[in-house]
Amino acid sequence: VDEQLGRKKLAMPAGEFLVGCFPVGEFEMNTEFPVAIDAELLVIGYGNTLRGDDGVGPRVAETVEGLNLPGVRTLVGQQLSPEHAEPISRARRVIFVDAAVDEKDGIKFRKLIPGDTTQLMAHAADPRTMLALARDVFGHAPEAWLLTIPAEKLGFGAGFSLETEAGFHAAVAEIHRLQRDLPGCGQNKRA
């Protein structure tokens, strides 16, 4: 116990690994070695590209990658997994992009905070859990948003419904606008 701060610290002998699930706040990560930020903005697009509109998240991330925006990195996946926590921890800001069947009025941008727990259900995680993992394992949770795009056609097949296609274009434009306005991304002045 750190008497000065009144917090528990985890001490492990060299070469040993900690495996298990601990309540948030029970242990504190060693933050003596700061996380190296390698992206001002990380865009993570996730969803099943074989299931129509559900593939819009990956397509947004792939399109943003193709724009070669200064300070922006992207990741694409079928679902969020613990392996994403490390690159999330190295970003100053992150946008999670996903399809949402419960959205009907265009894209939605929601501010996120890390979850209270890092416990995963099955093999997939939600964005708040990923932020908590980044915080608890790597010592940094970036500023984050969830960008959802309306989805209605989730059967097997390629292509998007008209509503999802419109949401795709709006999402790419919104990410580009946000990137231009962020400090450290190189293009902060609008023409």
N, C-alpha and C. Protein backbone atom coordinates (compact mmCIF):
# COMPACT_ATOMS: atom_id res chain seq x y z
N VAL A 1 0.86 -1.18 0.00
CA VAL A 1 0.00 0.00 0.00
C VAL A 1 0.89 1.23 0.00
N ASP A 2 0.60 2.14 -0.88
CA ASP A 2 1.30 3.41 -0.94
C ASP A 2 0.70 4.30 0.14
N GLU A 3 1.43 4.46 1.25
CA GLU A 3 0.91 5.20 2.40
C GLU A 3 0.60 6.65 2.04
N GLN A 4 1.43 7.24 1.19
CA GLN A 4 1.25 8.64 0.84
C GLN A 4 -0.06 8.87 0.08
N LEU A 5 -0.40 7.98 -0.82
CA LEU A 5 -1.61 8.13 -1.63
C LEU A 5 -2.75 7.27 -1.12
N GLY A 6 -2.47 6.33 -0.24
CA GLY A 6 -3.50 5.46 0.28
C GLY A 6 -4.04 4.49 -0.75
N ARG A 7 -3.22 4.11 -1.74
CA ARG A 7 -3.66 3.21 -2.80
C ARG A 7 -2.82 1.95 -2.80
N LYS A 8 -3.41 0.85 -3.28
CA LYS A 8 -2.68 -0.40 -3.42
C LYS A 8 -1.89 -0.37 -4.71
N LYS A 9 -0.69 -0.88 -4.67
CA LYS A 9 0.13 -1.04 -5.86
C LYS A 9 0.41 -2.52 -6.03
N LEU A 10 0.46 -2.98 -7.26
CA LEU A 10 0.72 -4.37 -7.55
C LEU A 10 2.20 -4.57 -7.81
N ALA A 11 2.83 -5.42 -7.06
CA ALA A 11 4.24 -5.73 -7.26
C ALA A 11 4.36 -7.17 -7.72
N MET A 12 5.02 -7.37 -8.84
CA MET A 12 5.21 -8.71 -9.40
C MET A 12 6.70 -8.98 -9.53
N PRO A 13 7.16 -10.17 -9.16
CA PRO A 13 8.57 -10.52 -9.38
C PRO A 13 8.88 -10.51 -10.88
N ALA A 14 10.10 -10.18 -11.23
CA ALA A 14 10.51 -10.13 -12.64
C ALA A 14 10.21 -11.45 -13.32
N GLY A 15 9.73 -11.39 -14.54
CA GLY A 15 9.45 -12.57 -15.33
C GLY A 15 8.11 -13.22 -15.07
N GLU A 16 7.33 -12.73 -14.11
CA GLU A 16 6.01 -13.29 -13.85
C GLU A 16 4.94 -12.42 -14.49
N PHE A 17 3.84 -13.03 -14.85
CA PHE A 17 2.74 -12.33 -15.50
C PHE A 17 1.50 -12.40 -14.63
N LEU A 18 0.72 -11.35 -14.68
CA LEU A 18 -0.52 -11.30 -13.94
C LEU A 18 -1.65 -11.74 -14.86
N VAL A 19 -2.39 -12.71 -14.43
CA VAL A 19 -3.53 -13.19 -15.20
C VAL A 19 -4.73 -13.20 -14.29
N GLY A 20 -5.82 -12.64 -14.74
CA GLY A 20 -7.02 -12.65 -13.92
C GLY A 20 -7.86 -11.42 -14.15
N CYS A 21 -8.91 -11.30 -13.37
CA CYS A 21 -9.84 -10.18 -13.49
C CYS A 21 -9.90 -9.50 -12.13
N PHE A 22 -9.64 -8.21 -12.12
CA PHE A 22 -9.63 -7.46 -10.87
C PHE A 22 -10.60 -6.29 -11.00
N PRO A 23 -11.30 -5.95 -9.94
CA PRO A 23 -12.18 -4.78 -9.98
C PRO A 23 -11.36 -3.52 -10.25
N VAL A 24 -11.93 -2.58 -11.00
CA VAL A 24 -11.26 -1.33 -11.28
C VAL A 24 -10.97 -0.63 -9.96
N GLY A 25 -9.78 -0.08 -9.83
CA GLY A 25 -9.42 0.66 -8.65
C GLY A 25 -8.72 -0.18 -7.59
N GLU A 26 -8.80 -1.51 -7.69
CA GLU A 26 -8.14 -2.35 -6.70
C GLU A 26 -6.63 -2.27 -6.86
N PHE A 27 -6.17 -2.22 -8.10
CA PHE A 27 -4.75 -2.09 -8.38
C PHE A 27 -4.54 -0.90 -9.28
N GLU A 28 -3.35 -0.33 -9.22
CA GLU A 28 -3.03 0.83 -10.04
C GLU A 28 -1.89 0.47 -10.96
N MET A 29 -2.00 0.88 -12.21
CA MET A 29 -0.94 0.61 -13.17
C MET A 29 0.27 1.48 -12.86
N ASN A 30 1.45 1.00 -13.19
CA ASN A 30 2.67 1.78 -13.06
C ASN A 30 2.68 2.78 -14.21
N THR A 31 2.62 4.05 -13.90
CA THR A 31 2.61 5.08 -14.95
C THR A 31 3.93 5.82 -15.01
N GLU A 32 4.99 5.22 -14.47
CA GLU A 32 6.30 5.85 -14.54
C GLU A 32 6.81 5.89 -15.98
N PHE A 33 6.34 4.99 -16.81
CA PHE A 33 6.74 4.95 -18.21
C PHE A 33 5.56 5.41 -19.04
N PRO A 34 5.57 6.65 -19.49
CA PRO A 34 4.40 7.18 -20.20
C PRO A 34 4.18 6.46 -21.53
N VAL A 35 2.93 6.40 -21.93
CA VAL A 35 2.55 5.78 -23.19
C VAL A 35 2.99 6.70 -24.33
N ALA A 36 3.59 6.13 -25.36
CA ALA A 36 4.01 6.90 -26.53
C ALA A 36 2.82 7.05 -27.47
N ILE A 37 2.35 8.26 -27.65
CA ILE A 37 1.22 8.53 -28.54
C ILE A 37 1.73 8.50 -29.97
N ASP A 38 1.13 7.64 -30.80
CA ASP A 38 1.56 7.59 -32.20
C ASP A 38 0.45 7.94 -33.17
N ALA A 39 -0.71 8.38 -32.66
CA ALA A 39 -1.81 8.83 -33.53
C ALA A 39 -2.60 9.90 -32.80
N GLU A 40 -2.83 10.99 -33.47
CA GLU A 40 -3.72 12.01 -32.92
C GLU A 40 -5.16 11.50 -32.92
N LEU A 41 -5.50 10.75 -33.95
CA LEU A 41 -6.85 10.22 -34.09
C LEU A 41 -6.77 8.80 -34.63
N LEU A 42 -7.40 7.88 -33.91
CA LEU A 42 -7.50 6.49 -34.35
C LEU A 42 -8.96 6.22 -34.68
N VAL A 43 -9.23 5.74 -35.89
CA VAL A 43 -10.58 5.39 -36.32
C VAL A 43 -10.65 3.87 -36.39
N ILE A 44 -11.55 3.29 -35.59
CA ILE A 44 -11.73 1.83 -35.58
C ILE A 44 -13.10 1.52 -36.15
N GLY A 45 -13.11 0.91 -37.32
CA GLY A 45 -14.37 0.49 -37.95
C GLY A 45 -14.55 -1.00 -37.77
N TYR A 46 -15.69 -1.38 -37.21
CA TYR A 46 -15.90 -2.81 -36.97
C TYR A 46 -17.31 -3.22 -37.37
N GLY A 47 -17.43 -4.49 -37.77
CA GLY A 47 -18.68 -5.06 -38.23
C GLY A 47 -18.40 -6.17 -39.21
N ASN A 48 -19.44 -6.92 -39.57
CA ASN A 48 -19.31 -8.06 -40.46
C ASN A 48 -19.54 -7.62 -41.90
N THR A 49 -18.48 -7.62 -42.69
CA THR A 49 -18.56 -7.16 -44.08
C THR A 49 -19.35 -8.12 -44.98
N LEU A 50 -19.69 -9.30 -44.48
CA LEU A 50 -20.48 -10.25 -45.26
C LEU A 50 -21.98 -10.10 -45.00
N ARG A 51 -22.34 -9.18 -44.10
CA ARG A 51 -23.74 -9.03 -43.69
C ARG A 51 -24.29 -7.64 -44.04
N GLY A 52 -24.21 -7.27 -45.30
CA GLY A 52 -24.82 -6.03 -45.77
C GLY A 52 -24.42 -4.81 -44.98
N ASP A 53 -25.40 -4.11 -44.41
CA ASP A 53 -25.17 -2.85 -43.71
C ASP A 53 -24.23 -2.98 -42.51
N ASP A 54 -24.11 -4.17 -41.94
CA ASP A 54 -23.23 -4.36 -40.78
C ASP A 54 -21.77 -4.07 -41.13
N GLY A 55 -21.41 -4.12 -42.39
CA GLY A 55 -20.04 -3.86 -42.82
C GLY A 55 -19.69 -2.40 -43.01
N VAL A 56 -20.58 -1.50 -42.64
CA VAL A 56 -20.32 -0.08 -42.87
C VAL A 56 -19.16 0.45 -42.03
N GLY A 57 -18.99 -0.03 -40.80
CA GLY A 57 -17.88 0.43 -39.96
C GLY A 57 -16.52 0.18 -40.61
N PRO A 58 -16.24 -1.07 -41.03
CA PRO A 58 -14.97 -1.32 -41.72
C PRO A 58 -14.80 -0.49 -42.99
N ARG A 59 -15.89 -0.30 -43.74
CA ARG A 59 -15.78 0.48 -44.98
C ARG A 59 -15.44 1.93 -44.69
N VAL A 60 -16.00 2.50 -43.62
CA VAL A 60 -15.65 3.87 -43.24
C VAL A 60 -14.16 3.95 -42.91
N ALA A 61 -13.67 3.03 -42.08
CA ALA A 61 -12.25 3.05 -41.69
C ALA A 61 -11.34 2.88 -42.91
N GLU A 62 -11.70 1.98 -43.82
CA GLU A 62 -10.89 1.78 -45.03
C GLU A 62 -10.87 3.04 -45.89
N THR A 63 -12.01 3.71 -46.00
CA THR A 63 -12.08 4.93 -46.80
C THR A 63 -11.26 6.04 -46.16
N VAL A 64 -11.36 6.19 -44.84
CA VAL A 64 -10.56 7.20 -44.13
C VAL A 64 -9.07 6.90 -44.32
N GLU A 65 -8.69 5.63 -44.24
CA GLU A 65 -7.29 5.26 -44.47
C GLU A 65 -6.83 5.72 -45.85
N GLY A 66 -7.67 5.54 -46.85
CA GLY A 66 -7.33 5.94 -48.21
C GLY A 66 -7.18 7.44 -48.39
N LEU A 67 -7.72 8.24 -47.49
CA LEU A 67 -7.59 9.70 -47.58
C LEU A 67 -6.22 10.19 -47.12
N ASN A 68 -5.45 9.32 -46.44
CA ASN A 68 -4.11 9.68 -45.94
C ASN A 68 -4.13 10.98 -45.15
N LEU A 69 -5.04 11.08 -44.20
CA LEU A 69 -5.17 12.29 -43.39
C LEU A 69 -4.03 12.38 -42.39
N PRO A 70 -3.40 13.54 -42.25
CA PRO A 70 -2.31 13.69 -41.28
C PRO A 70 -2.77 13.39 -39.86
N GLY A 71 -1.98 12.62 -39.13
CA GLY A 71 -2.27 12.32 -37.74
C GLY A 71 -3.31 11.25 -37.50
N VAL A 72 -3.82 10.63 -38.58
CA VAL A 72 -4.92 9.66 -38.45
C VAL A 72 -4.42 8.26 -38.79
N ARG A 73 -4.76 7.30 -37.91
CA ARG A 73 -4.53 5.88 -38.16
C ARG A 73 -5.88 5.19 -38.13
N THR A 74 -5.96 4.02 -38.75
CA THR A 74 -7.22 3.28 -38.76
C THR A 74 -6.98 1.81 -38.44
N LEU A 75 -8.02 1.19 -37.91
CA LEU A 75 -8.06 -0.25 -37.68
C LEU A 75 -9.40 -0.76 -38.18
N VAL A 76 -9.40 -1.95 -38.73
CA VAL A 76 -10.61 -2.59 -39.23
C VAL A 76 -10.72 -3.97 -38.60
N GLY A 77 -11.92 -4.32 -38.17
CA GLY A 77 -12.12 -5.65 -37.61
C GLY A 77 -13.58 -6.05 -37.64
N GLN A 78 -13.82 -7.34 -37.49
CA GLN A 78 -15.19 -7.82 -37.46
C GLN A 78 -15.84 -7.48 -36.12
N GLN A 79 -15.03 -7.45 -35.06
CA GLN A 79 -15.52 -7.09 -33.73
C GLN A 79 -14.36 -6.50 -32.94
N LEU A 80 -14.67 -5.83 -31.85
CA LEU A 80 -13.63 -5.33 -30.96
C LEU A 80 -13.12 -6.48 -30.11
N SER A 81 -11.81 -6.50 -29.90
CA SER A 81 -11.21 -7.56 -29.10
C SER A 81 -10.11 -6.98 -28.22
N PRO A 82 -9.67 -7.73 -27.21
CA PRO A 82 -8.64 -7.21 -26.30
C PRO A 82 -7.37 -6.73 -27.01
N GLU A 83 -7.07 -7.29 -28.15
CA GLU A 83 -5.88 -6.89 -28.90
C GLU A 83 -5.94 -5.43 -29.35
N HIS A 84 -7.13 -4.86 -29.42
CA HIS A 84 -7.27 -3.45 -29.81
C HIS A 84 -6.88 -2.49 -28.69
N ALA A 85 -6.78 -2.95 -27.46
CA ALA A 85 -6.50 -2.06 -26.32
C ALA A 85 -5.15 -1.36 -26.46
N GLU A 86 -4.15 -2.05 -26.95
CA GLU A 86 -2.82 -1.44 -27.06
C GLU A 86 -2.79 -0.28 -28.06
N PRO A 87 -3.26 -0.45 -29.30
CA PRO A 87 -3.27 0.72 -30.20
C PRO A 87 -4.21 1.84 -29.71
N ILE A 88 -5.29 1.47 -29.02
CA ILE A 88 -6.17 2.50 -28.46
C ILE A 88 -5.40 3.33 -27.45
N SER A 89 -4.59 2.68 -26.63
CA SER A 89 -3.84 3.40 -25.60
C SER A 89 -2.80 4.34 -26.18
N ARG A 90 -2.39 4.13 -27.42
CA ARG A 90 -1.38 4.97 -28.06
C ARG A 90 -1.98 6.09 -28.90
N ALA A 91 -3.30 6.26 -28.83
CA ALA A 91 -3.97 7.33 -29.56
C ALA A 91 -4.37 8.45 -28.61
N ARG A 92 -4.34 9.66 -29.10
CA ARG A 92 -4.81 10.80 -28.30
C ARG A 92 -6.34 10.83 -28.29
N ARG A 93 -6.95 10.43 -29.41
CA ARG A 93 -8.41 10.39 -29.54
C ARG A 93 -8.76 9.17 -30.39
N VAL A 94 -9.95 8.61 -30.14
CA VAL A 94 -10.38 7.46 -30.93
C VAL A 94 -11.86 7.60 -31.27
N ILE A 95 -12.21 7.17 -32.48
CA ILE A 95 -13.60 7.10 -32.91
C ILE A 95 -13.88 5.65 -33.26
N PHE A 96 -14.88 5.08 -32.59
CA PHE A 96 -15.36 3.73 -32.90
C PHE A 96 -16.52 3.89 -33.87
N VAL A 97 -16.48 3.18 -35.00
CA VAL A 97 -17.52 3.30 -36.02
C VAL A 97 -18.23 1.96 -36.16
N ASP A 98 -19.58 1.98 -36.02
CA ASP A 98 -20.35 0.74 -36.05
C ASP A 98 -21.72 1.01 -36.66
N ALA A 99 -22.31 -0.05 -37.20
CA ALA A 99 -23.70 -0.01 -37.67
C ALA A 99 -24.63 -0.13 -36.47
N ALA A 100 -25.81 0.48 -36.57
CA ALA A 100 -26.78 0.40 -35.47
C ALA A 100 -28.19 0.24 -36.04
N VAL A 101 -28.81 -0.89 -35.70
CA VAL A 101 -30.16 -1.13 -36.20
C VAL A 101 -31.20 -0.28 -35.48
N ASP A 102 -30.85 0.26 -34.32
CA ASP A 102 -31.80 1.08 -33.57
C ASP A 102 -31.69 2.57 -33.90
N GLU A 103 -30.84 2.94 -34.85
CA GLU A 103 -30.71 4.33 -35.30
C GLU A 103 -31.48 4.49 -36.60
N LYS A 104 -32.30 5.50 -36.67
CA LYS A 104 -33.06 5.72 -37.90
C LYS A 104 -32.93 7.14 -38.43
N ASP A 105 -32.36 8.05 -37.65
CA ASP A 105 -32.31 9.46 -38.05
C ASP A 105 -30.89 9.92 -38.35
N GLY A 106 -30.19 9.23 -39.21
CA GLY A 106 -28.85 9.63 -39.58
C GLY A 106 -27.80 9.17 -38.58
N ILE A 107 -26.56 9.57 -38.86
CA ILE A 107 -25.46 9.15 -37.99
C ILE A 107 -25.57 9.83 -36.63
N LYS A 108 -25.02 9.17 -35.62
CA LYS A 108 -25.01 9.71 -34.25
C LYS A 108 -23.58 9.67 -33.74
N PHE A 109 -23.16 10.74 -33.11
CA PHE A 109 -21.85 10.86 -32.49
C PHE A 109 -22.06 10.96 -30.99
N ARG A 110 -21.52 10.02 -30.23
CA ARG A 110 -21.68 10.04 -28.77
C ARG A 110 -20.33 10.02 -28.09
N LYS A 111 -20.14 10.91 -27.14
CA LYS A 111 -18.92 10.93 -26.34
C LYS A 111 -18.90 9.68 -25.45
N LEU A 112 -17.75 9.07 -25.30
CA LEU A 112 -17.60 7.86 -24.48
C LEU A 112 -16.64 8.11 -23.33
N ILE A 113 -16.88 7.40 -22.25
CA ILE A 113 -15.93 7.35 -21.14
C ILE A 113 -15.61 5.87 -20.91
N PRO A 114 -14.44 5.59 -20.33
CA PRO A 114 -14.12 4.18 -20.07
C PRO A 114 -15.15 3.53 -19.16
N GLY A 115 -15.39 2.26 -19.39
CA GLY A 115 -16.31 1.51 -18.55
C GLY A 115 -15.73 1.31 -17.15
N ASP A 116 -16.58 0.85 -16.26
CA ASP A 116 -16.17 0.59 -14.88
C ASP A 116 -15.38 -0.70 -14.74
N THR A 117 -15.50 -1.58 -15.72
CA THR A 117 -14.85 -2.88 -15.63
C THR A 117 -14.19 -3.23 -16.95
N THR A 118 -13.20 -4.11 -16.87
CA THR A 118 -12.54 -4.62 -18.07
C THR A 118 -12.99 -6.03 -18.39
N GLN A 119 -14.03 -6.48 -17.72
CA GLN A 119 -14.52 -7.84 -17.93
C GLN A 119 -15.16 -7.95 -19.31
N LEU A 120 -14.74 -8.95 -20.05
CA LEU A 120 -15.26 -9.19 -21.39
C LEU A 120 -16.33 -10.27 -21.35
N MET A 121 -17.34 -10.11 -22.17
CA MET A 121 -18.35 -11.14 -22.34
C MET A 121 -18.04 -11.85 -23.65
N ALA A 122 -17.82 -13.14 -23.61
CA ALA A 122 -17.47 -13.95 -24.77
C ALA A 122 -16.16 -13.45 -25.37
N HIS A 123 -16.11 -13.31 -26.70
CA HIS A 123 -14.86 -12.91 -27.37
C HIS A 123 -14.88 -11.47 -27.83
N ALA A 124 -15.98 -10.80 -27.69
CA ALA A 124 -16.09 -9.43 -28.18
C ALA A 124 -16.25 -8.46 -27.02
N ALA A 125 -15.93 -7.21 -27.29
CA ALA A 125 -16.03 -6.17 -26.26
C ALA A 125 -16.74 -4.96 -26.86
N ASP A 126 -17.29 -4.12 -25.99
CA ASP A 126 -17.87 -2.87 -26.47
C ASP A 126 -16.81 -1.77 -26.32
N PRO A 127 -17.04 -0.60 -26.94
CA PRO A 127 -16.04 0.46 -26.90
C PRO A 127 -15.65 0.91 -25.49
N ARG A 128 -16.59 0.99 -24.57
CA ARG A 128 -16.27 1.43 -23.21
C ARG A 128 -15.36 0.42 -22.50
N THR A 129 -15.57 -0.86 -22.77
CA THR A 129 -14.69 -1.88 -22.20
C THR A 129 -13.30 -1.76 -22.80
N MET A 130 -13.21 -1.48 -24.09
CA MET A 130 -11.90 -1.32 -24.73
C MET A 130 -11.15 -0.14 -24.14
N LEU A 131 -11.86 0.95 -23.86
CA LEU A 131 -11.22 2.11 -23.23
C LEU A 131 -10.73 1.76 -21.82
N ALA A 132 -11.54 1.00 -21.08
CA ALA A 132 -11.14 0.57 -19.74
C ALA A 132 -9.90 -0.33 -19.81
N LEU A 133 -9.85 -1.23 -20.78
CA LEU A 133 -8.68 -2.09 -20.95
C LEU A 133 -7.44 -1.26 -21.26
N ALA A 134 -7.58 -0.29 -22.17
CA ALA A 134 -6.45 0.57 -22.51
C ALA A 134 -5.95 1.30 -21.27
N ARG A 135 -6.87 1.80 -20.48
CA ARG A 135 -6.53 2.52 -19.25
C ARG A 135 -5.85 1.60 -18.24
N ASP A 136 -6.47 0.46 -17.97
CA ASP A 136 -6.01 -0.40 -16.89
C ASP A 136 -4.77 -1.22 -17.24
N VAL A 137 -4.60 -1.57 -18.50
CA VAL A 137 -3.46 -2.39 -18.89
C VAL A 137 -2.29 -1.54 -19.37
N PHE A 138 -2.57 -0.48 -20.13
CA PHE A 138 -1.51 0.31 -20.74
C PHE A 138 -1.35 1.70 -20.15
N GLY A 139 -2.24 2.10 -19.24
CA GLY A 139 -2.07 3.36 -18.54
C GLY A 139 -2.61 4.59 -19.22
N HIS A 140 -3.36 4.44 -20.33
CA HIS A 140 -3.92 5.61 -21.01
C HIS A 140 -5.21 5.25 -21.74
N ALA A 141 -6.26 5.99 -21.45
CA ALA A 141 -7.51 5.89 -22.21
C ALA A 141 -7.72 7.22 -22.91
N PRO A 142 -7.78 7.21 -24.23
CA PRO A 142 -7.91 8.47 -24.97
C PRO A 142 -9.32 9.04 -24.89
N GLU A 143 -9.44 10.28 -25.29
CA GLU A 143 -10.76 10.88 -25.51
C GLU A 143 -11.42 10.05 -26.61
N ALA A 144 -12.72 9.76 -26.49
CA ALA A 144 -13.32 8.81 -27.43
C ALA A 144 -14.77 9.14 -27.73
N TRP A 145 -15.20 8.70 -28.93
CA TRP A 145 -16.57 8.83 -29.39
C TRP A 145 -17.01 7.54 -30.05
N LEU A 146 -18.30 7.29 -30.03
CA LEU A 146 -18.92 6.22 -30.80
C LEU A 146 -19.72 6.88 -31.91
N LEU A 147 -19.40 6.53 -33.15
CA LEU A 147 -20.12 7.03 -34.31
C LEU A 147 -20.95 5.86 -34.84
N THR A 148 -22.27 5.98 -34.76
CA THR A 148 -23.14 4.91 -35.25
C THR A 148 -23.83 5.35 -36.53
N ILE A 149 -24.03 4.38 -37.40
CA ILE A 149 -24.62 4.61 -38.72
C ILE A 149 -25.86 3.72 -38.83
N PRO A 150 -27.00 4.29 -39.25
CA PRO A 150 -28.22 3.49 -39.36
C PRO A 150 -28.02 2.26 -40.26
N ALA A 151 -28.57 1.14 -39.84
CA ALA A 151 -28.48 -0.11 -40.60
C ALA A 151 -29.84 -0.80 -40.57
N GLU A 152 -30.21 -1.36 -41.69
CA GLU A 152 -31.47 -2.10 -41.74
C GLU A 152 -31.34 -3.44 -42.45
N LYS A 153 -30.40 -3.55 -43.38
CA LYS A 153 -30.22 -4.77 -44.18
C LYS A 153 -29.02 -5.54 -43.63
N LEU A 154 -29.28 -6.61 -42.84
CA LEU A 154 -28.20 -7.34 -42.18
C LEU A 154 -28.07 -8.78 -42.66
N GLY A 155 -28.77 -9.13 -43.71
CA GLY A 155 -28.65 -10.47 -44.26
C GLY A 155 -27.33 -10.64 -45.00
N PHE A 156 -27.03 -11.88 -45.37
CA PHE A 156 -25.80 -12.14 -46.11
C PHE A 156 -25.84 -11.42 -47.44
N GLY A 157 -24.75 -10.80 -47.80
CA GLY A 157 -24.66 -10.12 -49.08
C GLY A 157 -23.84 -8.85 -48.97
N ALA A 158 -23.47 -8.35 -50.14
CA ALA A 158 -22.68 -7.13 -50.20
C ALA A 158 -23.59 -5.95 -50.49
N GLY A 159 -23.06 -4.78 -50.32
CA GLY A 159 -23.81 -3.56 -50.60
C GLY A 159 -24.61 -3.09 -49.41
N PHE A 160 -24.92 -1.80 -49.44
CA PHE A 160 -25.64 -1.16 -48.34
C PHE A 160 -27.02 -0.71 -48.78
N SER A 161 -27.91 -0.60 -47.82
CA SER A 161 -29.21 0.02 -48.07
C SER A 161 -28.97 1.50 -48.36
N LEU A 162 -29.96 2.18 -48.90
CA LEU A 162 -29.81 3.60 -49.22
C LEU A 162 -29.50 4.43 -47.97
N GLU A 163 -30.16 4.11 -46.86
CA GLU A 163 -29.94 4.85 -45.62
C GLU A 163 -28.51 4.65 -45.09
N THR A 164 -28.02 3.43 -45.17
CA THR A 164 -26.66 3.15 -44.70
C THR A 164 -25.63 3.77 -45.63
N GLU A 165 -25.89 3.74 -46.92
CA GLU A 165 -24.97 4.37 -47.88
C GLU A 165 -24.86 5.87 -47.61
N ALA A 166 -25.98 6.51 -47.34
CA ALA A 166 -25.97 7.95 -47.00
C ALA A 166 -25.21 8.16 -45.69
N GLY A 167 -25.43 7.29 -44.72
CA GLY A 167 -24.73 7.39 -43.44
C GLY A 167 -23.23 7.19 -43.59
N PHE A 168 -22.84 6.29 -44.48
CA PHE A 168 -21.42 6.06 -44.77
C PHE A 168 -20.76 7.36 -45.22
N HIS A 169 -21.36 8.04 -46.21
CA HIS A 169 -20.79 9.29 -46.73
C HIS A 169 -20.77 10.38 -45.65
N ALA A 170 -21.82 10.47 -44.87
CA ALA A 170 -21.87 11.46 -43.79
C ALA A 170 -20.81 11.18 -42.74
N ALA A 171 -20.58 9.90 -42.42
CA ALA A 171 -19.59 9.53 -41.40
C ALA A 171 -18.18 9.89 -41.86
N VAL A 172 -17.85 9.58 -43.10
CA VAL A 172 -16.52 9.92 -43.63
C VAL A 172 -16.32 11.44 -43.61
N ALA A 173 -17.33 12.18 -44.02
CA ALA A 173 -17.24 13.65 -44.00
C ALA A 173 -17.08 14.18 -42.58
N GLU A 174 -17.79 13.60 -41.62
CA GLU A 174 -17.71 14.05 -40.23
C GLU A 174 -16.33 13.75 -39.64
N ILE A 175 -15.77 12.59 -39.93
CA ILE A 175 -14.43 12.26 -39.45
C ILE A 175 -13.40 13.21 -40.06
N HIS A 176 -13.54 13.50 -41.34
CA HIS A 176 -12.62 14.42 -42.01
C HIS A 176 -12.73 15.82 -41.39
N ARG A 177 -13.95 16.27 -41.11
CA ARG A 177 -14.15 17.58 -40.48
C ARG A 177 -13.50 17.61 -39.10
N LEU A 178 -13.74 16.56 -38.33
CA LEU A 178 -13.16 16.48 -36.99
C LEU A 178 -11.64 16.50 -37.06
N GLN A 179 -11.08 15.75 -37.97
CA GLN A 179 -9.62 15.70 -38.13
C GLN A 179 -9.06 17.08 -38.45
N ARG A 180 -9.70 17.83 -39.31
CA ARG A 180 -9.22 19.18 -39.65
C ARG A 180 -9.22 20.10 -38.44
N ASP A 181 -10.17 19.90 -37.53
CA ASP A 181 -10.32 20.78 -36.37
C ASP A 181 -9.46 20.37 -35.17
N LEU A 182 -8.85 19.20 -35.21
CA LEU A 182 -8.09 18.72 -34.05
C LEU A 182 -6.67 19.29 -34.05
N PRO A 183 -6.22 19.76 -32.89
CA PRO A 183 -4.81 20.15 -32.77
C PRO A 183 -3.92 18.95 -33.03
N GLY A 184 -2.81 19.18 -33.71
CA GLY A 184 -1.85 18.12 -33.94
C GLY A 184 -2.10 17.30 -35.18
N CYS A 185 -3.15 17.60 -35.94
CA CYS A 185 -3.44 16.80 -37.13
C CYS A 185 -2.96 17.48 -38.41
N GLY A 186 -2.34 18.63 -38.32
CA GLY A 186 -1.69 19.22 -39.48
C GLY A 186 -2.51 20.15 -40.34
N GLN A 187 -3.81 20.04 -40.34
CA GLN A 187 -4.64 20.88 -41.20
C GLN A 187 -5.69 21.58 -40.36
N ASN A 188 -5.29 22.39 -39.42
CA ASN A 188 -6.22 22.97 -38.47
C ASN A 188 -6.96 24.20 -38.97
N LYS A 189 -6.51 24.77 -40.08
CA LYS A 189 -7.17 25.98 -40.58
C LYS A 189 -8.07 25.64 -41.74
N ARG A 190 -9.28 26.12 -41.66
CA ARG A 190 -10.22 25.90 -42.76
C ARG A 190 -10.03 26.96 -43.82
N ALA A 191 -10.23 26.58 -45.06
CA ALA A 191 -10.09 27.53 -46.17
C ALA A 191 -11.31 28.40 -46.29
